[in-house]
Amino acid sequence: MKKVLLSAIAVMAFTFASAQDVKFGIKGGLNVSNFSGDTDGIDLASRVGFNIGGFVEIKLSEKFALQPELLYSTQGAKFKNVGAEVDGNFYTGDVNFNLGYINVPVMFRYYATEKFSVELGPQIGFLTSAKTKTKLDGFSRTNEMDVKDMFKSTDFGLNFGAGYYLTENISVGARYNLGLSNIIKTEAEDSDKVHNGVFSLSVGYKF
């Protein structure tokens, strides 16, 4: 991992040095997230969250750009119709998994036209929080629990999407993050794997 990070820093330094144009910006928007993988038998629903942060667009040529970003992202999923026994009685309800990540995507952008671009790139995410909110039918109270110890501290994925500049400074974009790594901690004999999946819509402003 250390060699990969050092190589990435070297590439970034060379890119900055050879770039034709460097612009900074801020962005934010809506997330629709879910889990995939070994979730058989679980009634899953998407969770709506948000993303916010900043980016650097490094123009390499008229058509190509490199765009590293630093984003805070709320993700997770909803487990529906989960059963639980309380005081000898059986109830069903929903469990919301609310995860927070600091994500660092590095996007390679191709400008098909002056304003429209497509993008592809890797992403590493660092888990900042993980909580569940459980609401059982027949109970007015929602139970909240910290479950950060159930999840791994880092997440790796691949992003792909598209963007469009409405003006010289204001852009809109759509992106999907395909989680490639297992985000849950498992015992050595347990082969279950769960992945993040996040669809994002965002608005950006480039200074």
C-alpha atoms as a PDB file:
ATOM      1  CA  MET A   1       0.000   0.000   0.000  1.00  0.00           C
ATOM      2  CA  LYS A   2       2.822   2.401   0.867  1.00  0.00           C
ATOM      3  CA  LYS A   3       4.438   1.858  -2.559  1.00  0.00           C
ATOM      4  CA  VAL A   4       1.119   2.503  -4.279  1.00  0.00           C
ATOM      5  CA  LEU A   5       0.614   5.755  -2.360  1.00  0.00           C
ATOM      6  CA  LEU A   6       4.167   6.941  -3.105  1.00  0.00           C
ATOM      7  CA  SER A   7       3.696   6.126  -6.791  1.00  0.00           C
ATOM      8  CA  ALA A   8       0.397   8.029  -6.837  1.00  0.00           C
ATOM      9  CA  ILE A   9       2.060  11.077  -5.229  1.00  0.00           C
ATOM     10  CA  ALA A  10       4.846  10.972  -7.812  1.00  0.00           C
ATOM     11  CA  VAL A  11       2.355  10.768 -10.672  1.00  0.00           C
ATOM     12  CA  MET A  12       0.340  13.650  -9.234  1.00  0.00           C
ATOM     13  CA  ALA A  13       3.450  15.800  -8.844  1.00  0.00           C
ATOM     14  CA  PHE A  14       4.452  15.135 -12.450  1.00  0.00           C
ATOM     15  CA  THR A  15       0.907  15.839 -13.617  1.00  0.00           C
ATOM     16  CA  PHE A  16       0.798  19.201 -11.840  1.00  0.00           C
ATOM     17  CA  ALA A  17       4.144  20.129 -13.337  1.00  0.00           C
ATOM     18  CA  SER A  18       3.102  19.244 -16.897  1.00  0.00           C
ATOM     19  CA  ALA A  19      -0.510  20.440 -16.737  1.00  0.00           C
ATOM     20  CA  GLN A  20      -1.693  23.188 -19.060  1.00  0.00           C
ATOM     21  CA  ASP A  21      -4.310  24.514 -16.638  1.00  0.00           C
ATOM     22  CA  VAL A  22      -5.232  23.858 -12.992  1.00  0.00           C
ATOM     23  CA  LYS A  23      -8.583  24.905 -11.489  1.00  0.00           C
ATOM     24  CA  PHE A  24     -10.029  24.376  -8.004  1.00  0.00           C
ATOM     25  CA  GLY A  25     -13.684  23.893  -7.187  1.00  0.00           C
ATOM     26  CA  ILE A  26     -16.357  22.773  -4.757  1.00  0.00           C
ATOM     27  CA  LYS A  27     -19.190  20.317  -5.301  1.00  0.00           C
ATOM     28  CA  GLY A  28     -22.079  18.650  -3.542  1.00  0.00           C
ATOM     29  CA  GLY A  29     -25.188  16.672  -4.213  1.00  0.00           C
ATOM     30  CA  LEU A  30     -27.413  13.673  -3.630  1.00  0.00           C
ATOM     31  CA  ASN A  31     -26.472  10.023  -3.011  1.00  0.00           C
ATOM     32  CA  VAL A  32     -28.661   6.964  -3.513  1.00  0.00           C
ATOM     33  CA  SER A  33     -26.789   4.038  -1.966  1.00  0.00           C
ATOM     34  CA  ASN A  34     -27.269   0.336  -1.339  1.00  0.00           C
ATOM     35  CA  PHE A  35     -25.392  -2.872  -0.490  1.00  0.00           C
ATOM     36  CA  SER A  36     -24.692  -5.775  -2.830  1.00  0.00           C
ATOM     37  CA  GLY A  37     -23.025  -9.153  -2.516  1.00  0.00           C
ATOM     38  CA  ASP A  38     -23.979 -11.896  -0.060  1.00  0.00           C
ATOM     39  CA  THR A  39     -27.327 -10.425   0.977  1.00  0.00           C
ATOM     40  CA  ASP A  40     -29.577 -13.371   0.077  1.00  0.00           C
ATOM     41  CA  GLY A  41     -32.809 -13.407   2.054  1.00  0.00           C
ATOM     42  CA  ILE A  42     -32.526  -9.739   3.064  1.00  0.00           C
ATOM     43  CA  ASP A  43     -35.147  -7.314   1.780  1.00  0.00           C
ATOM     44  CA  LEU A  44     -32.920  -4.380   0.812  1.00  0.00           C
ATOM     45  CA  ALA A  45     -33.891  -0.807   0.014  1.00  0.00           C
ATOM     46  CA  SER A  46     -31.767   2.168  -0.999  1.00  0.00           C
ATOM     47  CA  ARG A  47     -30.726   4.929   1.381  1.00  0.00           C
ATOM     48  CA  VAL A  48     -30.754   8.590   0.355  1.00  0.00           C
ATOM     49  CA  GLY A  49     -27.769  10.658   1.522  1.00  0.00           C
ATOM     50  CA  PHE A  50     -25.480  13.418   0.357  1.00  0.00           C
ATOM     51  CA  ASN A  51     -21.935  14.183  -0.770  1.00  0.00           C
ATOM     52  CA  ILE A  52     -19.956  17.401  -0.355  1.00  0.00           C
ATOM     53  CA  GLY A  53     -16.347  18.449  -0.851  1.00  0.00           C
ATOM     54  CA  GLY A  54     -13.810  19.877  -3.247  1.00  0.00           C
ATOM     55  CA  PHE A  55     -11.895  19.007  -6.394  1.00  0.00           C
ATOM     56  CA  VAL A  56      -8.942  20.007  -8.530  1.00  0.00           C
ATOM     57  CA  GLU A  57      -9.301  19.847 -12.313  1.00  0.00           C
ATOM     58  CA  ILE A  58      -5.925  19.440 -14.000  1.00  0.00           C
ATOM     59  CA  LYS A  59      -6.224  19.982 -17.740  1.00  0.00           C
ATOM     60  CA  LEU A  60      -3.683  17.788 -19.529  1.00  0.00           C
ATOM     61  CA  SER A  61      -4.796  18.774 -23.021  1.00  0.00           C
ATOM     62  CA  GLU A  62      -7.857  20.151 -24.764  1.00  0.00           C
ATOM     63  CA  LYS A  63      -9.634  16.800 -24.457  1.00  0.00           C
ATOM     64  CA  PHE A  64      -8.207  15.181 -21.324  1.00  0.00           C
ATOM     65  CA  ALA A  65      -8.167  16.155 -17.649  1.00  0.00           C
ATOM     66  CA  LEU A  66      -7.321  14.585 -14.313  1.00  0.00           C
ATOM     67  CA  GLN A  67      -9.629  15.406 -11.394  1.00  0.00           C
ATOM     68  CA  PRO A  68      -8.709  14.361  -7.831  1.00  0.00           C
ATOM     69  CA  GLU A  69     -11.465  14.987  -5.277  1.00  0.00           C
ATOM     70  CA  LEU A  70     -11.955  14.958  -1.508  1.00  0.00           C
ATOM     71  CA  LEU A  71     -15.574  14.262  -0.515  1.00  0.00           C
ATOM     72  CA  TYR A  72     -17.573  13.505   2.579  1.00  0.00           C
ATOM     73  CA  SER A  73     -20.255  10.971   1.645  1.00  0.00           C
ATOM     74  CA  THR A  74     -23.184   9.482   3.565  1.00  0.00           C
ATOM     75  CA  GLN A  75     -23.988   5.956   2.369  1.00  0.00           C
ATOM     76  CA  GLY A  76     -25.537   2.689   3.486  1.00  0.00           C
ATOM     77  CA  ALA A  77     -28.757   0.755   2.984  1.00  0.00           C
ATOM     78  CA  LYS A  78     -32.066  -0.174   4.608  1.00  0.00           C
ATOM     79  CA  PHE A  79     -32.907  -3.723   5.753  1.00  0.00           C
ATOM     80  CA  LYS A  80     -36.688  -4.061   5.535  1.00  0.00           C
ATOM     81  CA  ASN A  81     -39.016  -6.392   7.429  1.00  0.00           C
ATOM     82  CA  VAL A  82     -36.343  -7.592   9.847  1.00  0.00           C
ATOM     83  CA  GLY A  83     -37.653  -9.810  12.648  1.00  0.00           C
ATOM     84  CA  ALA A  84     -36.791  -9.354  16.337  1.00  0.00           C
ATOM     85  CA  GLU A  85     -38.022 -10.817  19.619  1.00  0.00           C
ATOM     86  CA  VAL A  86     -38.849  -8.353  22.409  1.00  0.00           C
ATOM     87  CA  ASP A  87     -40.116  -9.556  25.803  1.00  0.00           C
ATOM     88  CA  GLY A  88     -41.160 -12.874  24.312  1.00  0.00           C
ATOM     89  CA  ASN A  89     -43.074 -11.279  21.421  1.00  0.00           C
ATOM     90  CA  PHE A  90     -41.994 -11.283  17.775  1.00  0.00           C
ATOM     91  CA  TYR A  91     -41.952  -7.998  15.845  1.00  0.00           C
ATOM     92  CA  THR A  92     -40.829  -6.865  12.409  1.00  0.00           C
ATOM     93  CA  GLY A  93     -39.367  -3.541  11.361  1.00  0.00           C
ATOM     94  CA  ASP A  94     -36.691  -1.713   9.394  1.00  0.00           C
ATOM     95  CA  VAL A  95     -32.992  -1.279  10.142  1.00  0.00           C
ATOM     96  CA  ASN A  96     -31.191   1.673   8.531  1.00  0.00           C
ATOM     97  CA  PHE A  97     -27.425   1.318   8.122  1.00  0.00           C
ATOM     98  CA  ASN A  98     -25.994   4.853   8.061  1.00  0.00           C
ATOM     99  CA  LEU A  99     -22.345   4.955   6.996  1.00  0.00           C
ATOM    100  CA  GLY A 100     -20.107   8.006   6.637  1.00  0.00           C
ATOM    101  CA  TYR A 101     -16.996   8.025   4.442  1.00  0.00           C
ATOM    102  CA  ILE A 102     -14.217  10.394   3.459  1.00  0.00           C
ATOM    103  CA  ASN A 103     -13.811   9.453  -0.210  1.00  0.00           C
ATOM    104  CA  VAL A 104     -10.840  10.250  -2.434  1.00  0.00           C
ATOM    105  CA  PRO A 105     -11.682   9.609  -6.097  1.00  0.00           C
ATOM    106  CA  VAL A 106      -9.176  10.294  -8.878  1.00  0.00           C
ATOM    107  CA  MET A 107     -11.136  10.754 -12.087  1.00  0.00           C
ATOM    108  CA  PHE A 108      -9.798  10.702 -15.644  1.00  0.00           C
ATOM    109  CA  ARG A 109     -12.055  12.904 -17.765  1.00  0.00           C
ATOM    110  CA  TYR A 110     -12.469  12.972 -21.529  1.00  0.00           C
ATOM    111  CA  TYR A 111     -14.184  16.034 -23.027  1.00  0.00           C
ATOM    112  CA  ALA A 112     -16.220  14.816 -25.980  1.00  0.00           C
ATOM    113  CA  THR A 113     -17.265  18.420 -26.518  1.00  0.00           C
ATOM    114  CA  GLU A 114     -16.241  21.681 -24.897  1.00  0.00           C
ATOM    115  CA  LYS A 115     -18.902  21.261 -22.191  1.00  0.00           C
ATOM    116  CA  PHE A 116     -19.668  17.515 -22.026  1.00  0.00           C
ATOM    117  CA  SER A 117     -17.286  14.965 -20.520  1.00  0.00           C
ATOM    118  CA  VAL A 118     -17.235  11.313 -19.507  1.00  0.00           C
ATOM    119  CA  GLU A 119     -15.150  10.097 -16.582  1.00  0.00           C
ATOM    120  CA  LEU A 120     -13.616   6.971 -15.104  1.00  0.00           C
ATOM    121  CA  GLY A 121     -11.366   6.437 -12.127  1.00  0.00           C
ATOM    122  CA  PRO A 122     -10.555   4.609  -8.878  1.00  0.00           C
ATOM    123  CA  GLN A 123     -11.658   5.641  -5.404  1.00  0.00           C
ATOM    124  CA  ILE A 124     -10.516   4.925  -1.878  1.00  0.00           C
ATOM    125  CA  GLY A 125     -12.876   5.580   1.029  1.00  0.00           C
ATOM    126  CA  PHE A 126     -12.123   5.945   4.741  1.00  0.00           C
ATOM    127  CA  LEU A 127     -14.940   5.022   7.119  1.00  0.00           C
ATOM    128  CA  THR A 128     -15.704   7.773   9.654  1.00  0.00           C
ATOM    129  CA  SER A 129     -18.911   6.441  11.206  1.00  0.00           C
ATOM    130  CA  ALA A 130     -21.343   3.523  11.061  1.00  0.00           C
ATOM    131  CA  LYS A 131     -24.641   3.449  12.934  1.00  0.00           C
ATOM    132  CA  THR A 132     -27.919   1.593  12.743  1.00  0.00           C
ATOM    133  CA  LYS A 133     -31.377   3.003  13.418  1.00  0.00           C
ATOM    134  CA  THR A 134     -33.995   0.345  14.113  1.00  0.00           C
ATOM    135  CA  LYS A 135     -37.748   1.018  14.059  1.00  0.00           C
ATOM    136  CA  LEU A 136     -39.970  -1.915  14.979  1.00  0.00           C
ATOM    137  CA  ASP A 137     -43.669  -1.910  14.099  1.00  0.00           C
ATOM    138  CA  GLY A 138     -45.738  -1.071  17.137  1.00  0.00           C
ATOM    139  CA  PHE A 139     -42.977   0.887  18.869  1.00  0.00           C
ATOM    140  CA  SER A 140     -42.759   4.672  18.713  1.00  0.00           C
ATOM    141  CA  ARG A 141     -39.111   4.763  19.761  1.00  0.00           C
ATOM    142  CA  THR A 142     -36.207   4.353  17.319  1.00  0.00           C
ATOM    143  CA  ASN A 143     -33.176   2.498  18.654  1.00  0.00           C
ATOM    144  CA  GLU A 144     -29.737   3.729  17.526  1.00  0.00           C
ATOM    145  CA  MET A 145     -26.530   1.685  17.785  1.00  0.00           C
ATOM    146  CA  ASP A 146     -22.890   2.284  16.848  1.00  0.00           C
ATOM    147  CA  VAL A 147     -21.735  -0.582  14.593  1.00  0.00           C
ATOM    148  CA  LYS A 148     -18.441   0.805  13.302  1.00  0.00           C
ATOM    149  CA  ASP A 149     -16.603  -2.272  14.589  1.00  0.00           C
ATOM    150  CA  MET A 150     -18.598  -4.396  12.107  1.00  0.00           C
ATOM    151  CA  PHE A 151     -17.115  -2.605   9.084  1.00  0.00           C
ATOM    152  CA  LYS A 152     -13.651  -2.319   7.605  1.00  0.00           C
ATOM    153  CA  SER A 153     -11.933   1.056   7.830  1.00  0.00           C
ATOM    154  CA  THR A 154     -11.229   1.391   4.089  1.00  0.00           C
ATOM    155  CA  ASP A 155     -13.214   0.792   0.928  1.00  0.00           C
ATOM    156  CA  PHE A 156     -11.992   0.586  -2.670  1.00  0.00           C
ATOM    157  CA  GLY A 157     -14.133   1.119  -5.739  1.00  0.00           C
ATOM    158  CA  LEU A 158     -14.374   2.210  -9.351  1.00  0.00           C
ATOM    159  CA  ASN A 159     -16.285   5.309 -10.453  1.00  0.00           C
ATOM    160  CA  PHE A 160     -17.740   6.067 -13.862  1.00  0.00           C
ATOM    161  CA  GLY A 161     -20.006   8.879 -14.947  1.00  0.00           C
ATOM    162  CA  ALA A 162     -20.507  12.016 -16.990  1.00  0.00           C
ATOM    163  CA  GLY A 163     -20.572  15.766 -16.506  1.00  0.00           C
ATOM    164  CA  TYR A 164     -21.808  18.883 -18.263  1.00  0.00           C
ATOM    165  CA  TYR A 165     -20.807  22.537 -17.804  1.00  0.00           C
ATOM    166  CA  LEU A 166     -23.885  24.767 -17.807  1.00  0.00           C
ATOM    167  CA  THR A 167     -21.607  27.807 -17.762  1.00  0.00           C
ATOM    168  CA  GLU A 168     -17.846  28.310 -17.676  1.00  0.00           C
ATOM    169  CA  ASN A 169     -17.900  27.720 -13.894  1.00  0.00           C
ATOM    170  CA  ILE A 170     -21.052  25.740 -13.015  1.00  0.00           C
ATOM    171  CA  SER A 171     -21.342  22.034 -13.795  1.00  0.00           C
ATOM    172  CA  VAL A 172     -23.699  19.129 -13.145  1.00  0.00           C
ATOM    173  CA  GLY A 173     -22.700  15.498 -13.004  1.00  0.00           C
ATOM    174  CA  ALA A 174     -23.890  11.935 -12.527  1.00  0.00           C
ATOM    175  CA  ARG A 175     -21.679   9.149 -11.228  1.00  0.00           C
ATOM    176  CA  TYR A 176     -21.864   5.550 -10.054  1.00  0.00           C
ATOM    177  CA  ASN A 177     -19.445   4.082  -7.534  1.00  0.00           C
ATOM    178  CA  LEU A 178     -19.037   0.329  -7.889  1.00  0.00           C
ATOM    179  CA  GLY A 179     -17.631  -1.058  -4.645  1.00  0.00           C
ATOM    180  CA  LEU A 180     -14.895  -3.628  -5.278  1.00  0.00           C
ATOM    181  CA  SER A 181     -13.811  -4.525  -1.746  1.00  0.00           C
ATOM    182  CA  ASN A 182     -15.592  -6.311   1.067  1.00  0.00           C
ATOM    183  CA  ILE A 183     -16.720  -3.678   3.587  1.00  0.00           C
ATOM    184  CA  ILE A 184     -17.686  -5.998   6.465  1.00  0.00           C
ATOM    185  CA  LYS A 185     -15.344  -7.693   8.897  1.00  0.00           C
ATOM    186  CA  THR A 186     -15.576 -11.482   8.782  1.00  0.00           C
ATOM    187  CA  GLU A 187     -14.018 -14.424  10.569  1.00  0.00           C
ATOM    188  CA  ALA A 188     -11.415 -16.502   8.729  1.00  0.00           C
ATOM    189  CA  GLU A 189     -13.935 -19.253   7.956  1.00  0.00           C
ATOM    190  CA  ASP A 190     -16.632 -16.795   6.816  1.00  0.00           C
ATOM    191  CA  SER A 191     -16.592 -16.048   3.076  1.00  0.00           C
ATOM    192  CA  ASP A 192     -19.537 -13.604   3.007  1.00  0.00           C
ATOM    193  CA  LYS A 193     -18.823 -10.343   1.195  1.00  0.00           C
ATOM    194  CA  VAL A 194     -20.780  -7.093   1.049  1.00  0.00           C
ATOM    195  CA  HIS A 195     -20.017  -4.160  -1.276  1.00  0.00           C
ATOM    196  CA  ASN A 196     -21.043  -0.529  -1.439  1.00  0.00           C
ATOM    197  CA  GLY A 197     -22.887   0.837  -4.441  1.00  0.00           C
ATOM    198  CA  VAL A 198     -23.618   4.555  -4.743  1.00  0.00           C
ATOM    199  CA  PHE A 199     -25.310   6.599  -7.461  1.00  0.00           C
ATOM    200  CA  SER A 200     -24.583  10.329  -7.141  1.00  0.00           C
ATOM    201  CA  LEU A 201     -25.925  13.511  -8.653  1.00  0.00           C
ATOM    202  CA  SER A 202     -23.879  16.642  -8.014  1.00  0.00           C
ATOM    203  CA  VAL A 203     -23.511  20.330  -8.780  1.00  0.00           C
ATOM    204  CA  GLY A 204     -20.039  21.872  -8.920  1.00  0.00           C
ATOM    205  CA  TYR A 205     -18.526  25.331  -9.053  1.00  0.00           C
ATOM    206  CA  LYS A 206     -15.072  25.844 -10.551  1.00  0.00           C
ATOM    207  CA  PHE A 207     -13.178  28.972  -9.510  1.00  0.00           C
END
